C-alpha cells in the first residue's frame, strides 16, 4: 500500500518510537511514516483493549491518537520531524502521563 520507488531512497528523520530509535520517511505524517516501516498498530483501544490502526488518515477518526513529544496528537495530522519522541501506549494498562 505505502511503497517507495525502489530506485530512490527517501530522505529520513530519526525518531524515538516506544523507547527505540527508528528512521521514518521525511515530509510525511507520523502515521504514514509508521505504516511505511511496517508499524501498523497505532494504539490500544482504552475500552476494548484491542489494537487500533490508522483508518482515515485525514484527522476524522482519531484511531491514530498517540503521544508525540509529550502531547496526545493525531499522528496523521503531525509531520514527522527529526528527534520526535513517540509513544503509542500499546499496553492497555499504560494510559500515559499526558493530558
Protein backbone atom coordinates (compact mmCIF):
# COMPACT_ATOMS: atom_id res chain seq x y z
CA UNK A 1 0.00 0.00 0.00
CA UNK A 2 2.67 2.52 1.04
CA UNK A 3 5.70 1.77 -1.10
CA UNK A 4 8.52 3.96 -2.29
CA UNK A 5 10.21 3.87 -5.67
CA UNK A 6 12.97 1.30 -5.17
CA UNK A 7 15.33 3.42 -7.27
CA UNK A 8 15.12 6.37 -4.89
CA UNK A 9 15.65 6.08 -1.15
CA UNK A 10 13.51 8.70 0.59
CA UNK A 11 15.09 11.18 2.97
CA UNK A 12 14.53 10.09 6.56
CA UNK A 13 14.25 11.58 10.02
CA UNK A 14 15.35 9.78 13.18
CA UNK A 15 12.74 9.50 15.93
CA UNK A 16 12.31 7.59 19.17
CA UNK A 17 9.38 5.16 18.91
CA UNK A 18 8.41 3.40 22.13
CA UNK A 19 11.94 3.88 23.55
CA UNK A 20 13.84 2.72 20.43
CA UNK A 21 15.40 4.68 17.59
CA UNK A 22 13.80 4.30 14.15
CA UNK A 23 14.03 6.18 10.87
CA UNK A 24 10.84 7.45 9.24
CA UNK A 25 10.49 8.92 5.76
CA UNK A 26 10.78 12.71 5.80
CA UNK A 27 7.96 15.05 4.71
CA UNK A 28 5.14 12.63 5.60
CA UNK A 29 2.83 12.35 8.59
CA UNK A 30 3.87 10.27 11.57
CA UNK A 31 1.04 7.83 10.76
CA UNK A 32 2.15 7.40 7.13
CA UNK A 33 5.77 7.04 8.23
CA UNK A 34 4.92 4.33 10.75
CA UNK A 35 2.84 2.46 8.17
CA UNK A 36 5.77 2.74 5.75
CA UNK A 37 8.13 0.96 8.14
CA UNK A 38 5.58 -1.75 8.97
CA UNK A 39 4.40 -0.40 12.33
CA UNK A 40 0.67 -0.88 11.71
CA UNK A 41 -0.71 -0.67 15.26
CA UNK A 42 -1.09 2.93 16.43
CA UNK A 43 -2.56 2.40 19.90
CA UNK A 44 -4.62 0.07 22.08
CA UNK A 45 -8.30 0.89 22.49
CA UNK A 46 -8.92 2.04 26.08
CA UNK A 47 -12.39 0.48 26.06
CA UNK A 48 -11.85 -2.91 24.39
CA UNK A 49 -8.09 -3.34 24.83
CA UNK A 50 -7.82 -4.30 21.15
CA UNK A 51 -5.14 -2.89 18.84
CA UNK A 52 -6.10 0.03 16.60
CA UNK A 53 -4.56 1.22 13.35
CA UNK A 54 -4.85 4.46 11.39
CA UNK A 55 -8.11 4.41 9.49
CA UNK A 56 -8.99 7.64 7.70
CA UNK A 57 -5.54 9.35 7.59
CA UNK A 58 -7.24 12.76 7.47
CA UNK A 59 -7.98 13.61 11.10
CA UNK A 60 -11.56 12.39 11.44
CA UNK A 61 -11.43 9.01 13.21
CA UNK A 62 -8.76 9.55 15.95
CA UNK A 63 -7.58 5.92 15.57
CA UNK A 64 -4.00 7.17 15.20
CA UNK A 65 -4.01 9.09 18.50
CA UNK A 66 -0.66 8.70 20.25
CA UNK A 67 1.70 10.64 22.47
CA UNK A 68 4.06 12.76 20.37
CA UNK A 69 6.62 14.87 22.23
CA UNK A 70 4.58 14.53 25.43
CA UNK A 71 1.21 15.56 23.97
CA UNK A 72 -1.61 13.35 22.70
CA UNK A 73 -1.88 14.08 18.98
CA UNK A 74 -3.35 12.59 15.84
CA UNK A 75 -0.37 11.05 14.08
CA UNK A 76 -1.99 11.56 10.67
CA UNK A 77 -2.06 15.32 11.24
CA UNK A 78 1.51 15.61 12.55
CA UNK A 79 4.51 15.75 10.23
CA UNK A 80 7.44 13.54 11.21
CA UNK A 81 10.37 15.65 12.44
CA UNK A 82 13.91 14.84 13.48
CA UNK A 83 14.19 13.91 17.17
CA UNK A 84 10.48 13.36 17.91
CA UNK A 85 9.61 11.10 20.82
CA UNK A 86 6.58 8.93 20.00
CA UNK A 87 4.79 6.64 22.44
CA UNK A 88 1.90 4.51 21.27
CA UNK A 89 0.80 3.15 24.68
CA UNK A 90 0.23 -0.35 23.30
CA UNK A 91 -0.26 -1.87 26.74
CA UNK A 92 -3.95 -1.46 27.73
CA UNK A 93 -2.83 -0.62 31.28
CA UNK A 94 -0.45 2.11 30.05
CA UNK A 95 -2.64 5.21 29.76
CA UNK A 96 0.33 7.56 29.50
CA UNK A 97 1.02 10.57 31.63
CA UNK A 98 -0.01 13.24 29.15
CA UNK A 99 -3.37 15.01 29.33
